[in-house]
Amino acid sequence: MLCAIEHLHSNLIIYRDLKPEHVMLDNEGHCKLVDFGFAKRFRQSDVTKNQMRTFTNCGTPDYIAPEVLRGIGTGFEADIWSLGVLICEIISGRTPFHNDNPQQIYDNVINCKARYAPSVSGLVRSLLQTIFVQDPGFRATLD
């Protein structure tokens, strides 16, 4: 999935809806992304003007990045956030910000209050701590 997101970003495409339902396996076991309904391609002029942000509130509550909820504009960093959530769910079977109350999910995301299952190792938690930060400028990236 990392390679797929990296490829999209290198082509100025932000995916904006990474979640297990959008990851398929082909007959050789390779991951494929499907459903590009929320994807957005930036223009080269956006890069030149340093305007690579989108302000559409879209995504799935458990996977949405805090900047989407705060309405400050979303860039490639939001896909990294979702990738971190996906990693956590693949390892433990649950997302780190989940709650039965959707508003509590949003509060957990905005406050970066992740809860991990015991199956999430210290090494993975360390990686996720570099991803689950409020300020997208300080979030781990693909660079």
N, C-alpha and C. Protein backbone atom coordinates (compact mmCIF):
# COMPACT_ATOMS: atom_id res chain seq x y z
N MET A 1 0.82 -1.19 0.00
CA MET A 1 0.00 0.00 0.00
C MET A 1 0.87 1.25 0.00
N LEU A 2 1.98 1.17 0.70
CA LEU A 2 2.90 2.30 0.73
C LEU A 2 3.36 2.66 -0.68
N CYS A 3 3.70 1.65 -1.48
CA CYS A 3 4.14 1.90 -2.86
C CYS A 3 3.02 2.52 -3.69
N ALA A 4 1.79 2.07 -3.48
CA ALA A 4 0.66 2.63 -4.23
C ALA A 4 0.44 4.10 -3.88
N ILE A 5 0.47 4.41 -2.60
CA ILE A 5 0.29 5.80 -2.16
C ILE A 5 1.46 6.65 -2.65
N GLU A 6 2.67 6.12 -2.57
CA GLU A 6 3.84 6.84 -3.06
C GLU A 6 3.71 7.15 -4.55
N HIS A 7 3.23 6.18 -5.32
CA HIS A 7 3.04 6.37 -6.75
C HIS A 7 1.99 7.46 -7.03
N LEU A 8 0.89 7.40 -6.31
CA LEU A 8 -0.14 8.43 -6.48
C LEU A 8 0.41 9.81 -6.16
N HIS A 9 1.10 9.94 -5.05
CA HIS A 9 1.64 11.23 -4.64
C HIS A 9 2.65 11.75 -5.65
N SER A 10 3.46 10.86 -6.20
CA SER A 10 4.45 11.30 -7.20
C SER A 10 3.78 11.81 -8.47
N ASN A 11 2.52 11.43 -8.66
CA ASN A 11 1.73 11.90 -9.79
C ASN A 11 0.73 12.98 -9.37
N LEU A 12 1.00 13.58 -8.21
CA LEU A 12 0.21 14.70 -7.67
C LEU A 12 -1.25 14.33 -7.38
N ILE A 13 -1.47 13.07 -6.99
CA ILE A 13 -2.82 12.60 -6.67
C ILE A 13 -2.89 12.31 -5.18
N ILE A 14 -3.88 12.90 -4.53
CA ILE A 14 -4.17 12.59 -3.13
C ILE A 14 -5.37 11.65 -3.15
N TYR A 15 -5.28 10.54 -2.44
CA TYR A 15 -6.31 9.50 -2.50
C TYR A 15 -7.52 9.82 -1.62
N ARG A 16 -7.31 10.19 -0.39
CA ARG A 16 -8.30 10.69 0.56
C ARG A 16 -9.32 9.70 1.10
N ASP A 17 -9.21 8.41 0.80
CA ASP A 17 -10.19 7.46 1.35
C ASP A 17 -9.59 6.07 1.51
N LEU A 18 -8.38 6.00 2.01
CA LEU A 18 -7.72 4.72 2.21
C LEU A 18 -8.37 3.98 3.39
N LYS A 19 -8.80 2.76 3.14
CA LYS A 19 -9.40 1.89 4.15
C LYS A 19 -9.43 0.48 3.57
N PRO A 20 -9.61 -0.53 4.42
CA PRO A 20 -9.53 -1.91 3.93
C PRO A 20 -10.48 -2.22 2.77
N GLU A 21 -11.66 -1.63 2.78
CA GLU A 21 -12.64 -1.90 1.73
C GLU A 21 -12.15 -1.47 0.35
N HIS A 22 -11.16 -0.60 0.31
CA HIS A 22 -10.64 -0.09 -0.96
C HIS A 22 -9.31 -0.73 -1.35
N VAL A 23 -8.94 -1.78 -0.64
CA VAL A 23 -7.71 -2.51 -0.96
C VAL A 23 -8.10 -3.91 -1.40
N MET A 24 -7.74 -4.25 -2.61
CA MET A 24 -8.04 -5.57 -3.16
C MET A 24 -6.73 -6.30 -3.46
N LEU A 25 -6.81 -7.61 -3.53
CA LEU A 25 -5.65 -8.42 -3.91
C LEU A 25 -5.92 -9.01 -5.29
N ASP A 26 -4.90 -8.94 -6.15
CA ASP A 26 -5.06 -9.57 -7.46
C ASP A 26 -4.74 -11.06 -7.35
N ASN A 27 -4.81 -11.77 -8.48
CA ASN A 27 -4.61 -13.22 -8.45
C ASN A 27 -3.19 -13.63 -8.08
N GLU A 28 -2.26 -12.69 -8.04
CA GLU A 28 -0.89 -12.98 -7.62
C GLU A 28 -0.60 -12.48 -6.20
N GLY A 29 -1.63 -11.94 -5.54
CA GLY A 29 -1.47 -11.47 -4.17
C GLY A 29 -0.98 -10.04 -4.04
N HIS A 30 -0.95 -9.29 -5.15
CA HIS A 30 -0.53 -7.89 -5.11
C HIS A 30 -1.70 -7.00 -4.70
N CYS A 31 -1.41 -6.01 -3.87
CA CYS A 31 -2.43 -5.06 -3.43
C CYS A 31 -2.78 -4.10 -4.56
N LYS A 32 -4.05 -3.82 -4.68
CA LYS A 32 -4.56 -2.85 -5.66
C LYS A 32 -5.53 -1.92 -4.95
N LEU A 33 -5.41 -0.64 -5.23
CA LEU A 33 -6.37 0.33 -4.71
C LEU A 33 -7.54 0.43 -5.67
N VAL A 34 -8.74 0.51 -5.11
CA VAL A 34 -9.95 0.70 -5.92
C VAL A 34 -10.72 1.89 -5.38
N ASP A 35 -11.69 2.35 -6.11
CA ASP A 35 -12.59 3.45 -5.73
C ASP A 35 -11.83 4.76 -5.55
N PHE A 36 -11.64 5.43 -6.65
CA PHE A 36 -10.95 6.71 -6.65
C PHE A 36 -11.94 7.89 -6.60
N GLY A 37 -13.13 7.64 -6.06
CA GLY A 37 -14.17 8.66 -6.02
C GLY A 37 -13.79 9.93 -5.26
N PHE A 38 -12.97 9.81 -4.23
CA PHE A 38 -12.55 10.98 -3.46
C PHE A 38 -11.16 11.48 -3.86
N ALA A 39 -10.51 10.77 -4.76
CA ALA A 39 -9.15 11.16 -5.16
C ALA A 39 -9.17 12.52 -5.87
N LYS A 40 -8.09 13.24 -5.71
CA LYS A 40 -7.97 14.55 -6.37
C LYS A 40 -6.57 14.67 -6.94
N ARG A 41 -6.51 15.11 -8.18
CA ARG A 41 -5.22 15.34 -8.82
C ARG A 41 -4.95 16.84 -8.81
N PHE A 42 -3.79 17.18 -8.28
CA PHE A 42 -3.37 18.57 -8.30
C PHE A 42 -2.74 18.88 -9.65
N ARG A 43 -2.82 20.13 -10.03
CA ARG A 43 -2.17 20.57 -11.27
C ARG A 43 -0.74 21.01 -10.96
N GLN A 44 0.07 21.00 -11.97
CA GLN A 44 1.45 21.46 -11.79
C GLN A 44 1.48 22.91 -11.31
N SER A 45 0.51 23.70 -11.74
CA SER A 45 0.45 25.10 -11.29
C SER A 45 0.18 25.19 -9.79
N ASP A 46 -0.53 24.20 -9.22
CA ASP A 46 -0.75 24.16 -7.77
C ASP A 46 0.57 23.98 -7.05
N VAL A 47 1.45 23.14 -7.63
CA VAL A 47 2.77 22.90 -7.04
C VAL A 47 3.58 24.18 -7.07
N THR A 48 3.59 24.85 -8.21
CA THR A 48 4.35 26.08 -8.39
C THR A 48 3.90 27.15 -7.40
N LYS A 49 2.59 27.24 -7.18
CA LYS A 49 2.03 28.25 -6.28
C LYS A 49 1.98 27.77 -4.83
N ASN A 50 2.48 26.55 -4.59
CA ASN A 50 2.43 25.97 -3.25
C ASN A 50 1.00 25.93 -2.71
N GLN A 51 0.05 25.52 -3.57
CA GLN A 51 -1.36 25.46 -3.19
C GLN A 51 -1.88 24.03 -3.28
N MET A 52 -1.11 23.11 -2.75
CA MET A 52 -1.51 21.71 -2.84
C MET A 52 -2.31 21.31 -1.60
N ARG A 53 -3.47 21.90 -1.48
CA ARG A 53 -4.41 21.64 -0.41
C ARG A 53 -5.80 21.54 -1.01
N THR A 54 -6.62 20.73 -0.41
CA THR A 54 -8.02 20.65 -0.79
C THR A 54 -8.84 20.82 0.49
N PHE A 55 -10.02 21.37 0.37
CA PHE A 55 -10.80 21.71 1.55
C PHE A 55 -12.10 20.92 1.65
N THR A 56 -12.24 19.89 0.85
CA THR A 56 -13.43 19.05 0.90
C THR A 56 -13.36 18.14 2.12
N ASN A 57 -14.43 18.11 2.89
CA ASN A 57 -14.50 17.23 4.04
C ASN A 57 -15.00 15.87 3.54
N CYS A 58 -14.08 14.94 3.35
CA CYS A 58 -14.47 13.62 2.87
C CYS A 58 -13.59 12.57 3.52
N GLY A 59 -14.07 11.35 3.50
CA GLY A 59 -13.34 10.24 4.09
C GLY A 59 -14.22 9.46 5.05
N THR A 60 -13.63 8.49 5.71
CA THR A 60 -14.33 7.62 6.63
C THR A 60 -13.91 7.98 8.05
N PRO A 61 -14.86 8.14 8.98
CA PRO A 61 -14.52 8.65 10.31
C PRO A 61 -13.29 8.02 10.96
N ASP A 62 -13.18 6.70 10.98
CA ASP A 62 -12.05 6.06 11.65
C ASP A 62 -10.71 6.34 10.97
N TYR A 63 -10.74 6.79 9.72
CA TYR A 63 -9.51 6.96 8.94
C TYR A 63 -9.19 8.42 8.63
N ILE A 64 -10.06 9.32 9.00
CA ILE A 64 -9.93 10.73 8.61
C ILE A 64 -8.84 11.42 9.43
N ALA A 65 -8.09 12.28 8.80
CA ALA A 65 -7.01 13.01 9.46
C ALA A 65 -7.56 14.24 10.19
N PRO A 66 -6.88 14.69 11.24
CA PRO A 66 -7.38 15.82 12.01
C PRO A 66 -7.53 17.11 11.20
N GLU A 67 -6.65 17.33 10.22
CA GLU A 67 -6.75 18.57 9.43
C GLU A 67 -8.03 18.61 8.61
N VAL A 68 -8.56 17.46 8.24
CA VAL A 68 -9.84 17.41 7.52
C VAL A 68 -10.94 17.88 8.45
N LEU A 69 -10.94 17.38 9.66
CA LEU A 69 -11.98 17.75 10.63
C LEU A 69 -11.88 19.22 11.03
N ARG A 70 -10.67 19.75 11.09
CA ARG A 70 -10.48 21.16 11.46
C ARG A 70 -10.70 22.10 10.29
N GLY A 71 -10.81 21.57 9.07
CA GLY A 71 -11.08 22.40 7.90
C GLY A 71 -9.94 23.31 7.49
N ILE A 72 -8.70 22.91 7.78
CA ILE A 72 -7.56 23.78 7.46
C ILE A 72 -6.92 23.43 6.12
N GLY A 73 -7.48 22.48 5.44
CA GLY A 73 -6.92 22.07 4.15
C GLY A 73 -6.16 20.76 4.29
N THR A 74 -6.32 19.94 3.28
CA THR A 74 -5.75 18.59 3.30
C THR A 74 -4.74 18.44 2.18
N GLY A 75 -3.62 17.86 2.51
CA GLY A 75 -2.61 17.54 1.51
C GLY A 75 -2.28 16.06 1.56
N PHE A 76 -1.14 15.71 1.01
CA PHE A 76 -0.72 14.32 0.95
C PHE A 76 -0.58 13.68 2.35
N GLU A 77 -0.35 14.50 3.34
CA GLU A 77 -0.15 14.00 4.71
C GLU A 77 -1.39 13.26 5.23
N ALA A 78 -2.57 13.62 4.73
CA ALA A 78 -3.79 12.94 5.16
C ALA A 78 -3.79 11.47 4.73
N ASP A 79 -3.20 11.18 3.58
CA ASP A 79 -3.08 9.79 3.14
C ASP A 79 -2.13 9.02 4.05
N ILE A 80 -1.10 9.68 4.54
CA ILE A 80 -0.16 9.03 5.46
C ILE A 80 -0.87 8.69 6.76
N TRP A 81 -1.70 9.61 7.25
CA TRP A 81 -2.49 9.36 8.45
C TRP A 81 -3.34 8.10 8.24
N SER A 82 -4.07 8.05 7.13
CA SER A 82 -4.94 6.90 6.85
C SER A 82 -4.14 5.61 6.72
N LEU A 83 -2.95 5.70 6.15
CA LEU A 83 -2.09 4.52 6.05
C LEU A 83 -1.70 4.02 7.45
N GLY A 84 -1.44 4.93 8.37
CA GLY A 84 -1.15 4.53 9.74
C GLY A 84 -2.33 3.81 10.38
N VAL A 85 -3.53 4.33 10.15
CA VAL A 85 -4.73 3.69 10.69
C VAL A 85 -4.88 2.29 10.08
N LEU A 86 -4.65 2.19 8.77
CA LEU A 86 -4.74 0.90 8.09
C LEU A 86 -3.72 -0.10 8.64
N ILE A 87 -2.51 0.33 8.86
CA ILE A 87 -1.47 -0.53 9.44
C ILE A 87 -1.94 -1.07 10.79
N CYS A 88 -2.46 -0.18 11.61
CA CYS A 88 -2.93 -0.58 12.94
C CYS A 88 -4.08 -1.59 12.83
N GLU A 89 -5.00 -1.35 11.92
CA GLU A 89 -6.14 -2.26 11.78
C GLU A 89 -5.71 -3.62 11.23
N ILE A 90 -4.77 -3.63 10.32
CA ILE A 90 -4.27 -4.90 9.78
C ILE A 90 -3.62 -5.73 10.89
N ILE A 91 -2.87 -5.09 11.75
CA ILE A 91 -2.16 -5.80 12.82
C ILE A 91 -3.10 -6.25 13.93
N SER A 92 -4.04 -5.37 14.31
CA SER A 92 -4.82 -5.66 15.52
C SER A 92 -6.30 -5.97 15.26
N GLY A 93 -6.78 -5.68 14.07
CA GLY A 93 -8.20 -5.91 13.80
C GLY A 93 -9.10 -4.77 14.20
N ARG A 94 -8.50 -3.67 14.68
CA ARG A 94 -9.32 -2.50 15.02
C ARG A 94 -8.54 -1.22 14.77
N THR A 95 -9.28 -0.16 14.53
CA THR A 95 -8.64 1.13 14.28
C THR A 95 -8.29 1.80 15.61
N PRO A 96 -7.26 2.62 15.64
CA PRO A 96 -6.79 3.18 16.91
C PRO A 96 -7.67 4.28 17.49
N PHE A 97 -8.59 4.84 16.71
CA PHE A 97 -9.42 5.94 17.20
C PHE A 97 -10.88 5.55 17.34
N HIS A 98 -11.17 4.27 17.17
CA HIS A 98 -12.56 3.81 17.13
C HIS A 98 -13.29 4.02 18.45
N ASN A 99 -14.58 4.29 18.28
CA ASN A 99 -15.50 4.40 19.40
C ASN A 99 -16.89 4.15 18.83
N ASP A 100 -17.81 3.68 19.64
CA ASP A 100 -19.18 3.47 19.16
C ASP A 100 -19.89 4.79 18.86
N ASN A 101 -19.43 5.86 19.47
CA ASN A 101 -19.99 7.19 19.25
C ASN A 101 -19.15 7.91 18.20
N PRO A 102 -19.72 8.21 17.02
CA PRO A 102 -18.94 8.88 15.96
C PRO A 102 -18.30 10.20 16.42
N GLN A 103 -18.98 10.96 17.26
CA GLN A 103 -18.39 12.22 17.73
C GLN A 103 -17.14 11.96 18.55
N GLN A 104 -17.13 10.86 19.31
CA GLN A 104 -15.95 10.51 20.09
C GLN A 104 -14.79 10.10 19.18
N ILE A 105 -15.10 9.47 18.06
CA ILE A 105 -14.05 9.16 17.08
C ILE A 105 -13.39 10.45 16.63
N TYR A 106 -14.20 11.44 16.27
CA TYR A 106 -13.66 12.73 15.82
C TYR A 106 -12.82 13.38 16.91
N ASP A 107 -13.30 13.33 18.15
CA ASP A 107 -12.54 13.89 19.27
C ASP A 107 -11.21 13.16 19.44
N ASN A 108 -11.24 11.84 19.33
CA ASN A 108 -10.01 11.06 19.45
C ASN A 108 -9.02 11.42 18.35
N VAL A 109 -9.52 11.60 17.13
CA VAL A 109 -8.66 11.96 16.01
C VAL A 109 -8.07 13.34 16.21
N ILE A 110 -8.91 14.31 16.50
CA ILE A 110 -8.44 15.69 16.67
C ILE A 110 -7.39 15.78 17.78
N ASN A 111 -7.58 15.01 18.85
CA ASN A 111 -6.66 15.04 19.98
C ASN A 111 -5.57 13.98 19.90
N CYS A 112 -5.54 13.24 18.78
CA CYS A 112 -4.53 12.17 18.56
C CYS A 112 -4.50 11.19 19.72
N LYS A 113 -5.68 10.80 20.20
CA LYS A 113 -5.80 9.86 21.31
C LYS A 113 -5.99 8.45 20.75
N ALA A 114 -4.89 7.85 20.36
CA ALA A 114 -4.93 6.50 19.81
C ALA A 114 -4.91 5.48 20.94
N ARG A 115 -5.67 4.41 20.75
CA ARG A 115 -5.65 3.27 21.67
C ARG A 115 -5.25 2.05 20.85
N TYR A 116 -4.26 1.34 21.33
CA TYR A 116 -3.73 0.20 20.60
C TYR A 116 -4.04 -1.11 21.30
N ALA A 117 -4.31 -2.11 20.51
CA ALA A 117 -4.48 -3.47 21.04
C ALA A 117 -3.10 -3.99 21.46
N PRO A 118 -3.05 -4.95 22.36
CA PRO A 118 -1.76 -5.51 22.79
C PRO A 118 -0.94 -6.09 21.63
N SER A 119 -1.60 -6.47 20.55
CA SER A 119 -0.87 -7.06 19.41
C SER A 119 -0.05 -6.04 18.63
N VAL A 120 -0.23 -4.75 18.91
CA VAL A 120 0.55 -3.71 18.24
C VAL A 120 1.84 -3.52 19.03
N SER A 121 2.95 -3.96 18.43
CA SER A 121 4.24 -3.96 19.12
C SER A 121 4.76 -2.55 19.38
N GLY A 122 5.74 -2.47 20.24
CA GLY A 122 6.38 -1.19 20.56
C GLY A 122 6.98 -0.53 19.34
N LEU A 123 7.57 -1.32 18.45
CA LEU A 123 8.16 -0.78 17.23
C LEU A 123 7.10 -0.15 16.33
N VAL A 124 5.98 -0.83 16.20
CA VAL A 124 4.88 -0.30 15.39
C VAL A 124 4.29 0.94 16.06
N ARG A 125 4.14 0.90 17.35
CA ARG A 125 3.63 2.08 18.08
C ARG A 125 4.54 3.29 17.86
N SER A 126 5.84 3.03 17.86
CA SER A 126 6.80 4.10 17.61
C SER A 126 6.60 4.70 16.22
N LEU A 127 6.42 3.85 15.23
CA LEU A 127 6.15 4.33 13.88
C LEU A 127 4.86 5.15 13.85
N LEU A 128 3.81 4.62 14.47
CA LEU A 128 2.51 5.30 14.45
C LEU A 128 2.56 6.64 15.18
N GLN A 129 3.42 6.77 16.18
CA GLN A 129 3.56 8.05 16.88
C GLN A 129 4.12 9.13 15.96
N THR A 130 4.88 8.74 14.93
CA THR A 130 5.39 9.73 13.97
C THR A 130 4.34 10.08 12.92
N ILE A 131 3.30 9.27 12.85
CA ILE A 131 2.22 9.52 11.89
C ILE A 131 1.06 10.24 12.56
N PHE A 132 0.67 9.81 13.74
CA PHE A 132 -0.50 10.38 14.42
C PHE A 132 -0.13 11.63 15.20
N VAL A 133 0.18 12.69 14.47
CA VAL A 133 0.44 14.01 15.06
C VAL A 133 -0.54 15.00 14.44
N GLN A 134 -1.00 15.95 15.24
CA GLN A 134 -2.02 16.89 14.78
C GLN A 134 -1.56 17.75 13.60
N ASP A 135 -0.37 18.27 13.69
CA ASP A 135 0.14 19.17 12.65
C ASP A 135 0.68 18.35 11.50
N PRO A 136 0.02 18.41 10.33
CA PRO A 136 0.50 17.60 9.19
C PRO A 136 1.91 17.94 8.76
N GLY A 137 2.39 19.12 9.09
CA GLY A 137 3.76 19.51 8.75
C GLY A 137 4.80 18.73 9.52
N PHE A 138 4.40 18.13 10.64
CA PHE A 138 5.32 17.36 11.45
C PHE A 138 5.09 15.84 11.31
N ARG A 139 4.15 15.48 10.47
CA ARG A 139 3.82 14.07 10.27
C ARG A 139 4.86 13.39 9.39
N ALA A 140 5.13 12.14 9.68
CA ALA A 140 6.02 11.35 8.82
C ALA A 140 5.48 11.39 7.39
N THR A 141 6.38 11.50 6.42
CA THR A 141 5.96 11.57 5.02
C THR A 141 6.69 10.51 4.20
N LEU A 142 6.43 10.50 2.92
CA LEU A 142 7.07 9.54 2.01
C LEU A 142 8.37 10.07 1.44
N ASP A 143 8.76 11.29 1.81
CA ASP A 143 9.99 11.88 1.28
C ASP A 143 11.22 11.16 1.76
